[in-house]
């Protein structure tokens, strides 16, 4: 776990000032990620025998359906992972717990062997717990992989002692105490990517170093963006980075308490209507893929948006240097060979940092940004209704 000295600063702001402004938790959790990720890689390496023993027989089944699930940010982890798993020849889908719980008979297939991969920072949201129970109730042959940050959460406890379940408990440092999920998001994403061999163990150091450097090198650019006070921000990304764009948009929406409207899409999809949101108060952030094929489409839209001249600013995030990026670009160092899942890690640190600084500039308290108090760190007020389907076979 990263311990930051009280005299140091994060994103150019002293820690005492951050604490007084109600931003200390979130700032530390954003800043620590480049240090935490190698710990995640070590953890997965130490659990490799258990993980492989659990997953290998399941992944060898050609009829296996993998359902990646979670609520809110945790659901977006699955959206980031699905393209990489599909390239491995696996049948993978991202279905939020919020969909599974409201429509279990629509999203769970009783006769199809299923691996339900549940992500949860607290592991205690009502929908996450209910999704596991519903899968047990409705699916004939179901297994559970739980990735969570909380040893006291319901998901972790439910997985213990079950032959059809495996839990990966992440270090305490990943259990964000601030409102917004930051370290927990990237750590659960990385853990799953390592578990499914979508990111190699030795590929973690480069994004970790890029994230640590970014916190210093990106500061002048971040300050410029904050000073421009954009009213609308659009994040665009292809394939794995589309799910990341969705998370980036949510992070800005959450930390600015809805004062900045945030949207996400793919670069190709953006032309099909959503592009109408662009005006002179709009920042568009294009997260460029390292995949050569997808990158061509990303660059086409980047050029188009700049030629349109309508957006207040069009910024490129890139792991590869090339003239087509133009001058308005945040170039990450040392990740030109990273796949897009690994590239997503430092990309989101940039987006989290911008959201944090914008929140402070708006006079909010990022650790508890909801002024009305109607949005909470762990969702409350959800009533779970019984599903009249197959008889309950949980506890097997």
Protein backbone atom coordinates (compact mmCIF):
# COMPACT_ATOMS: atom_id res chain seq x y z
CA UNK A 1 0.00 0.00 0.00
CA UNK A 2 1.31 3.46 -0.88
CA UNK A 3 1.91 5.69 2.09
CA UNK A 4 2.14 9.36 1.14
CA UNK A 5 3.99 11.72 3.45
CA UNK A 6 1.81 14.52 4.81
CA UNK A 7 4.20 17.14 3.43
CA UNK A 8 3.93 15.94 -0.16
CA UNK A 9 1.51 17.11 -2.79
CA UNK A 10 -0.74 15.30 -5.24
CA UNK A 11 -1.48 16.96 -8.57
CA UNK A 12 0.25 20.06 -7.29
CA UNK A 13 -1.91 20.39 -4.18
CA UNK A 14 -0.57 19.81 -0.66
CA UNK A 15 -2.13 16.92 1.21
CA UNK A 16 -3.22 19.10 4.11
CA UNK A 17 -5.07 21.32 1.65
CA UNK A 18 -6.65 18.31 0.00
CA UNK A 19 -7.81 16.94 3.33
CA UNK A 20 -9.30 20.28 4.31
CA UNK A 21 -11.11 20.45 0.97
CA UNK A 22 -12.63 16.99 1.40
CA UNK A 23 -10.48 15.52 -1.36
CA UNK A 24 -7.69 13.70 0.47
CA UNK A 25 -9.11 10.20 0.16
CA UNK A 26 -9.86 10.44 -3.55
CA UNK A 27 -6.54 12.13 -4.35
CA UNK A 28 -4.52 9.45 -2.58
CA UNK A 29 -6.53 6.71 -4.21
CA UNK A 30 -5.94 8.18 -7.66
CA UNK A 31 -2.23 8.69 -6.98
CA UNK A 32 -1.48 5.26 -5.53
CA UNK A 33 -2.57 3.21 -8.53
CA UNK A 34 0.79 3.01 -10.27
CA UNK A 35 2.21 1.50 -7.09
CA UNK A 36 -0.71 -0.83 -6.37
CA UNK A 37 -0.87 -2.50 -9.82
CA UNK A 38 2.45 -4.39 -9.46
CA UNK A 39 1.12 -5.66 -6.13
CA UNK A 40 -1.94 -6.97 -7.96
CA UNK A 41 0.32 -8.77 -10.43
CA UNK A 42 2.24 -10.36 -7.55
CA UNK A 43 -1.01 -11.41 -5.90
CA UNK A 44 -2.30 -13.07 -9.08
CA UNK A 45 1.04 -14.77 -9.58
CA UNK A 46 0.83 -16.20 -6.05
CA UNK A 47 -2.73 -17.42 -6.76
CA UNK A 48 -1.97 -18.73 -10.24
CA UNK A 49 -2.25 -22.42 -9.35
CA UNK A 50 -5.66 -21.92 -7.69
CA UNK A 51 -6.95 -19.69 -10.47
CA UNK A 52 -5.84 -22.03 -13.23
CA UNK A 53 -7.23 -25.09 -11.44
CA UNK A 54 -10.61 -23.37 -11.20
CA UNK A 55 -10.75 -21.71 -14.63
CA UNK A 56 -8.97 -24.15 -16.95
CA UNK A 57 -11.62 -26.91 -16.90
CA UNK A 58 -14.37 -24.32 -17.42
CA UNK A 59 -12.63 -22.46 -20.24
CA UNK A 60 -11.97 -25.77 -21.99
CA UNK A 61 -15.72 -26.23 -22.42
CA UNK A 62 -16.84 -24.96 -25.86
CA UNK A 63 -20.37 -24.39 -24.54
CA UNK A 64 -19.31 -22.19 -21.58
CA UNK A 65 -20.91 -18.77 -21.32
CA UNK A 66 -18.96 -16.16 -19.35
CA UNK A 67 -21.10 -13.38 -17.87
CA UNK A 68 -19.14 -10.44 -16.46
CA UNK A 69 -21.25 -8.48 -14.02
CA UNK A 70 -21.30 -5.69 -11.48
CA UNK A 71 -23.17 -2.47 -10.81
CA UNK A 72 -22.13 0.96 -12.10
CA UNK A 73 -18.36 1.21 -12.39
CA UNK A 74 -18.01 -2.49 -11.59
CA UNK A 75 -20.18 -3.28 -14.62
CA UNK A 76 -17.89 -1.27 -16.88
CA UNK A 77 -15.00 -3.59 -15.97
CA UNK A 78 -16.81 -6.30 -17.88
CA UNK A 79 -17.37 -3.98 -20.86
CA UNK A 80 -13.62 -3.35 -21.01
CA UNK A 81 -12.81 -7.07 -20.81
CA UNK A 82 -15.28 -8.57 -23.28
CA UNK A 83 -13.44 -7.67 -26.53
CA UNK A 84 -10.20 -9.21 -25.23
CA UNK A 85 -11.96 -12.41 -24.13
CA UNK A 86 -13.78 -12.72 -27.44
CA UNK A 87 -10.43 -12.55 -29.25
CA UNK A 88 -9.39 -15.58 -27.20
CA UNK A 89 -12.32 -17.50 -28.65
CA UNK A 90 -14.37 -17.37 -25.46
CA UNK A 91 -18.09 -16.64 -25.32
CA UNK A 92 -18.16 -13.59 -23.06
CA UNK A 93 -20.83 -11.01 -22.34
CA UNK A 94 -21.02 -8.02 -20.00
CA UNK A 95 -24.40 -7.88 -18.26
CA UNK A 96 -24.80 -5.46 -15.34
CA UNK A 97 -26.26 -6.83 -12.13
CA UNK A 98 -28.86 -4.10 -12.46
CA UNK A 99 -30.09 -5.86 -15.62
CA UNK A 100 -29.73 -9.38 -14.26
CA UNK A 101 -31.80 -8.58 -11.19
CA UNK A 102 -34.64 -6.82 -13.03
CA UNK A 103 -34.74 -9.34 -15.89
CA UNK A 104 -33.22 -12.64 -14.73
CA UNK A 105 -35.27 -14.77 -17.11
CA UNK A 106 -34.07 -12.58 -20.00
CA UNK A 107 -30.35 -12.60 -19.20
CA UNK A 108 -29.72 -15.99 -17.56
CA UNK A 109 -29.92 -19.13 -19.70
CA UNK A 110 -30.77 -22.15 -17.53
CA UNK A 111 -29.45 -24.85 -19.88
CA UNK A 112 -26.15 -23.10 -20.74
CA UNK A 113 -23.12 -23.75 -18.49
CA UNK A 114 -22.24 -20.34 -17.07
CA UNK A 115 -19.31 -18.71 -15.30
CA UNK A 116 -20.61 -15.62 -13.51
CA UNK A 117 -17.73 -13.20 -12.86
CA UNK A 118 -18.82 -10.74 -10.17
CA UNK A 119 -16.94 -7.50 -9.53
CA UNK A 120 -17.59 -5.47 -6.39
CA UNK A 121 -15.66 -2.86 -4.45
CA UNK A 122 -17.70 -3.42 -1.30
CA UNK A 123 -19.17 -6.69 -2.49
CA UNK A 124 -22.34 -5.82 -0.61
CA UNK A 125 -24.51 -3.94 -3.07
CA UNK A 126 -28.00 -5.49 -3.10
CA UNK A 127 -27.91 -6.21 -6.82
CA UNK A 128 -24.53 -7.97 -6.66
CA UNK A 129 -25.68 -10.33 -3.93
CA UNK A 130 -29.01 -10.96 -5.66
CA UNK A 131 -27.33 -11.70 -9.02
CA UNK A 132 -25.34 -14.55 -7.49
CA UNK A 133 -28.45 -15.98 -5.83
CA UNK A 134 -30.45 -15.73 -9.05
CA UNK A 135 -27.75 -17.50 -11.05
CA UNK A 136 -27.77 -20.30 -8.48
CA UNK A 137 -31.54 -20.48 -8.67
CA UNK A 138 -31.97 -20.38 -12.43
CA UNK A 139 -28.87 -21.89 -14.08
CA UNK A 140 -28.37 -25.66 -14.03
CA UNK A 141 -24.57 -25.55 -14.18
CA UNK A 142 -23.14 -22.33 -12.74
CA UNK A 143 -19.76 -21.36 -11.35
CA UNK A 144 -18.75 -18.09 -9.71
CA UNK A 145 -15.55 -16.08 -9.90
CA UNK A 146 -15.70 -13.22 -7.40
CA UNK A 147 -13.21 -10.33 -7.58
CA UNK A 148 -13.65 -7.93 -4.71
CA UNK A 149 -11.83 -5.43 -2.51
CA UNK A 150 -13.64 -6.17 0.75
CA UNK A 151 -13.10 -9.23 2.96
CA UNK A 152 -16.23 -8.32 4.92
CA UNK A 153 -18.46 -8.06 1.85
CA UNK A 154 -21.32 -10.41 1.10
CA UNK A 155 -19.82 -11.54 -2.22
CA UNK A 156 -16.59 -12.69 -0.59
CA UNK A 157 -18.41 -14.52 2.18
CA UNK A 158 -20.78 -16.19 -0.28
CA UNK A 159 -17.86 -17.60 -2.27
CA UNK A 160 -16.05 -19.13 0.69
CA UNK A 161 -16.30 -22.88 1.09
CA UNK A 162 -18.18 -23.49 -2.18
CA UNK A 163 -16.85 -25.99 -4.69
CA UNK A 164 -18.34 -24.00 -7.57
CA UNK A 165 -16.81 -20.66 -6.58
CA UNK A 166 -13.44 -18.94 -6.32
CA UNK A 167 -12.85 -15.53 -4.74
CA UNK A 168 -9.92 -13.22 -5.44
CA UNK A 169 -9.62 -10.76 -2.57
CA UNK A 170 -7.56 -7.70 -3.46
CA UNK A 171 -5.30 -5.79 -1.01
CA UNK A 172 -6.91 -3.39 1.45
CA UNK A 173 -5.42 -0.42 -0.43
CA UNK A 174 -7.81 -1.17 -3.31
CA UNK A 175 -10.91 -0.75 -1.13
CA UNK A 176 -11.50 2.93 -1.91
CA UNK A 177 -12.90 4.94 0.96
CA UNK A 178 -13.76 7.92 -1.25
CA UNK A 179 -17.11 8.05 -3.03
CA UNK A 180 -15.75 7.43 -6.53
CA UNK A 181 -14.22 4.11 -7.51
CA UNK A 182 -10.66 4.68 -8.69
CA UNK A 183 -8.07 2.18 -7.41
CA UNK A 184 -10.81 -0.42 -7.02
CA UNK A 185 -11.82 -0.08 -10.68
CA UNK A 186 -8.33 -0.44 -12.14
CA UNK A 187 -7.31 -3.17 -9.69
CA UNK A 188 -10.34 -5.37 -10.38
CA UNK A 189 -9.91 -4.80 -14.12
CA UNK A 190 -6.24 -5.76 -13.94
CA UNK A 191 -6.95 -8.79 -11.74
CA UNK A 192 -9.47 -10.20 -14.19
CA UNK A 193 -7.22 -9.44 -17.17
CA UNK A 194 -4.40 -11.35 -15.48
CA UNK A 195 -6.65 -14.22 -14.42
CA UNK A 196 -7.85 -14.71 -18.02
CA UNK A 197 -4.37 -14.10 -19.49
CA UNK A 198 -5.61 -11.01 -21.33
CA UNK A 199 -2.64 -9.09 -19.90
CA UNK A 200 0.70 -10.78 -19.28
CA UNK A 201 2.23 -10.71 -15.81
CA UNK A 202 5.32 -8.92 -17.14
CA UNK A 203 3.23 -6.26 -18.93
CA UNK A 204 2.19 -4.41 -15.76
CA UNK A 205 5.35 -2.42 -15.13
CA UNK A 206 5.00 -0.17 -18.20
CA UNK A 207 1.48 1.15 -17.45
CA UNK A 208 2.44 1.50 -13.79
CA UNK A 209 5.42 3.68 -14.68
CA UNK A 210 3.31 5.66 -17.17
CA UNK A 211 0.68 6.37 -14.51
CA UNK A 212 3.25 7.57 -11.99
CA UNK A 213 4.88 9.86 -14.54
CA UNK A 214 1.53 11.13 -15.78
CA UNK A 215 0.64 12.60 -12.38
CA UNK A 216 3.48 15.07 -12.85
CA UNK A 217 3.79 15.52 -16.60
CA UNK A 218 0.05 15.99 -17.22
CA UNK A 219 -0.47 18.64 -14.56
CA UNK A 220 -0.09 21.73 -16.80
CA UNK A 221 -2.56 20.25 -19.30
CA UNK A 222 -5.01 19.25 -16.57
CA UNK A 223 -4.93 22.78 -15.15
CA UNK A 224 -5.67 24.21 -18.61
CA UNK A 225 -8.66 21.93 -19.03
CA UNK A 226 -10.05 22.82 -15.63
CA UNK A 227 -9.60 26.54 -16.27
CA UNK A 228 -11.62 26.28 -19.48
CA UNK A 229 -14.70 25.21 -17.47
CA UNK A 230 -16.24 22.98 -20.12
CA UNK A 231 -19.95 22.31 -19.65
CA UNK A 232 -19.92 19.12 -21.73
CA UNK A 233 -17.23 16.46 -21.98
CA UNK A 234 -17.24 13.51 -24.37
CA UNK A 235 -14.94 10.49 -24.00
CA UNK A 236 -14.46 8.26 -27.05
CA UNK A 237 -12.76 4.87 -27.29
CA UNK A 238 -12.82 1.76 -29.46
CA UNK A 239 -13.29 -1.85 -28.33
CA UNK A 240 -11.82 -2.25 -24.79
CA UNK A 241 -11.51 1.53 -24.58
CA UNK A 242 -15.23 2.09 -25.18
CA UNK A 243 -15.97 0.61 -21.75
CA UNK A 244 -13.20 2.79 -20.37
CA UNK A 245 -14.75 5.87 -21.98
CA UNK A 246 -17.98 5.03 -20.19
CA UNK A 247 -16.17 4.84 -16.86
CA UNK A 248 -14.37 8.14 -17.54
CA UNK A 249 -17.69 9.84 -18.25
CA UNK A 250 -19.25 8.48 -15.07
CA UNK A 251 -16.26 9.59 -13.00
CA UNK A 252 -16.61 13.17 -14.20
CA UNK A 253 -20.38 13.13 -13.73
CA UNK A 254 -20.03 11.77 -10.18
CA UNK A 255 -17.23 14.02 -8.98
CA UNK A 256 -18.79 17.19 -10.41
CA UNK A 257 -22.19 16.23 -8.93
CA UNK A 258 -23.74 16.41 -12.38
CA UNK A 259 -22.63 20.00 -13.03
CA UNK A 260 -20.62 18.82 -16.04
CA UNK A 261 -22.55 16.71 -18.53
CA UNK A 262 -20.43 13.74 -19.59
CA UNK A 263 -21.04 11.40 -22.53
CA UNK A 264 -19.23 8.39 -23.98
CA UNK A 265 -19.23 6.53 -27.28
CA UNK A 266 -17.00 4.78 -29.78
CA UNK A 267 -15.33 6.97 -32.43
CA UNK A 268 -17.34 5.32 -35.20
CA UNK A 269 -20.58 5.40 -33.23
CA UNK A 270 -20.22 9.08 -32.33
CA UNK A 271 -21.06 10.21 -35.86
CA UNK A 272 -24.45 8.48 -35.70
CA UNK A 273 -26.30 11.17 -33.77
CA UNK A 274 -24.40 11.76 -30.52
CA UNK A 275 -22.04 14.16 -32.31
CA UNK A 276 -24.83 16.76 -32.11
CA UNK A 277 -23.81 17.44 -28.50
CA UNK A 278 -20.63 19.20 -29.66
CA UNK A 279 -20.50 22.97 -29.25
CA UNK A 280 -17.92 25.54 -28.18
CA UNK A 281 -18.34 24.54 -24.52
CA UNK A 282 -17.53 20.89 -25.27
CA UNK A 283 -14.30 19.02 -24.60
CA UNK A 284 -13.87 15.84 -26.65
CA UNK A 285 -11.26 13.35 -25.46
CA UNK A 286 -10.31 10.65 -27.99
CA UNK A 287 -8.63 7.66 -26.32
CA UNK A 288 -6.51 6.31 -29.14
CA UNK A 289 -6.14 2.55 -29.44
CA UNK A 290 -2.76 0.88 -29.76
CA UNK A 291 -4.38 -1.63 -32.11
CA UNK A 292 -3.35 -0.61 -35.63
CA UNK A 293 -6.73 -1.34 -37.21
CA UNK A 294 -8.87 0.44 -34.61
CA UNK A 295 -6.42 3.33 -34.45
CA UNK A 296 -7.09 4.26 -38.08
CA UNK A 297 -10.73 4.93 -37.25
CA UNK A 298 -9.78 6.80 -34.08
CA UNK A 299 -7.45 9.09 -36.01
CA UNK A 300 -10.05 9.69 -38.73
CA UNK A 301 -12.52 11.01 -36.20
CA UNK A 302 -9.84 13.03 -34.41
CA UNK A 303 -9.06 14.82 -37.67
CA UNK A 304 -12.73 15.27 -38.50
CA UNK A 305 -13.58 16.85 -35.14
CA UNK A 306 -10.68 19.25 -35.40
CA UNK A 307 -11.56 20.17 -38.98
CA UNK A 308 -15.18 20.77 -37.97
CA UNK A 309 -14.00 23.53 -35.65
CA UNK A 310 -17.12 23.24 -33.47
CA UNK A 311 -15.71 21.74 -30.26
CA UNK A 312 -14.16 23.91 -27.61
CA UNK A 313 -11.25 21.49 -27.56
CA UNK A 314 -10.40 18.08 -29.03
CA UNK A 315 -7.75 16.25 -27.03
CA UNK A 316 -6.01 13.00 -27.96
CA UNK A 317 -4.74 10.48 -25.41
CA UNK A 318 -2.12 8.25 -26.99
CA UNK A 319 0.48 5.66 -26.15
CA UNK A 320 2.14 6.02 -29.56
CA UNK A 321 3.77 9.18 -30.90
CA UNK A 322 2.98 10.21 -34.47
CA UNK A 323 2.51 13.50 -36.38
CA UNK A 324 -1.22 12.85 -36.94
CA UNK A 325 -1.87 13.53 -33.25
CA UNK A 326 -1.19 17.23 -33.63
CA UNK A 327 -0.20 19.43 -30.73
CA UNK A 328 -3.24 18.90 -28.51
CA UNK A 329 -2.26 15.51 -27.18
CA UNK A 330 -1.39 13.77 -23.92
CA UNK A 331 1.29 11.27 -24.91
CA UNK A 332 1.96 8.52 -22.38
CA UNK A 333 5.51 7.26 -22.13
CA UNK A 334 6.66 3.66 -22.42
CA UNK A 335 3.34 2.06 -23.39
CA UNK A 336 3.64 1.99 -27.19
CA UNK A 337 3.73 -1.83 -27.09
CA UNK A 338 0.92 -2.25 -24.53
CA UNK A 339 -2.35 -3.87 -25.51
CA UNK A 340 -5.46 -1.78 -24.97
CA UNK A 341 -6.37 -3.35 -21.62
CA UNK A 342 -2.97 -2.40 -20.22
CA UNK A 343 -3.18 1.01 -21.91
CA UNK A 344 -6.56 1.59 -20.24
CA UNK A 345 -4.92 1.74 -16.82
CA UNK A 346 -2.92 4.98 -17.22
CA UNK A 347 -5.58 6.44 -19.52
CA UNK A 348 -8.16 6.31 -16.75
CA UNK A 349 -5.73 7.86 -14.25
CA UNK A 350 -5.65 10.93 -16.50
CA UNK A 351 -9.45 11.04 -16.61
CA UNK A 352 -9.78 10.52 -12.85
CA UNK A 353 -7.28 13.32 -12.21
CA UNK A 354 -9.20 15.73 -14.43
CA UNK A 355 -12.47 14.85 -12.69
CA UNK A 356 -10.90 15.38 -9.27
CA UNK A 357 -9.43 18.78 -10.14
CA UNK A 358 -12.64 19.90 -11.86
CA UNK A 359 -14.62 18.91 -8.77
CA UNK A 360 -12.38 21.03 -6.55
CA UNK A 361 -12.60 23.96 -8.96
CA UNK A 362 -16.39 23.82 -8.68
CA UNK A 363 -16.15 24.12 -4.90
CA UNK A 364 -17.25 20.52 -4.26
CA UNK A 365 -15.83 17.95 -1.84
CA UNK A 366 -14.69 15.06 -4.06
CA UNK A 367 -14.68 12.49 -1.26
CA UNK A 368 -18.42 13.15 -0.80
CA UNK A 369 -19.44 15.07 -3.93
CA UNK A 370 -23.23 14.65 -3.76
CA UNK A 371 -24.43 17.94 -2.27
CA UNK A 372 -27.98 16.62 -1.90
CA UNK A 373 -26.80 13.41 -0.26
CA UNK A 374 -29.12 11.40 -2.52
CA UNK A 375 -26.28 9.43 -4.18
CA UNK A 376 -24.26 7.20 -1.88
CA UNK A 377 -20.97 5.32 -1.94
CA UNK A 378 -22.80 2.00 -1.50
CA UNK A 379 -26.24 2.08 -3.09
CA UNK A 380 -29.17 2.08 -0.68
CA UNK A 381 -32.91 1.72 -0.99
CA UNK A 382 -32.97 -1.23 -3.40
CA UNK A 383 -35.75 -3.75 -2.81
CA UNK A 384 -35.00 -7.21 -4.19
CA UNK A 385 -38.13 -9.06 -5.31
CA UNK A 386 -38.33 -12.85 -5.65
CA UNK A 387 -38.11 -14.35 -9.11
CA UNK A 388 -40.70 -16.99 -9.94
CA UNK A 389 -38.50 -19.31 -11.88
CA UNK A 390 -36.80 -22.58 -11.05
CA UNK A 391 -36.70 -23.66 -7.42
CA UNK A 392 -33.88 -22.27 -5.33
CA UNK A 393 -30.77 -24.42 -5.53
CA UNK A 394 -28.36 -21.98 -3.84
CA UNK A 395 -25.89 -23.24 -1.26
CA UNK A 396 -24.74 -26.13 -3.40
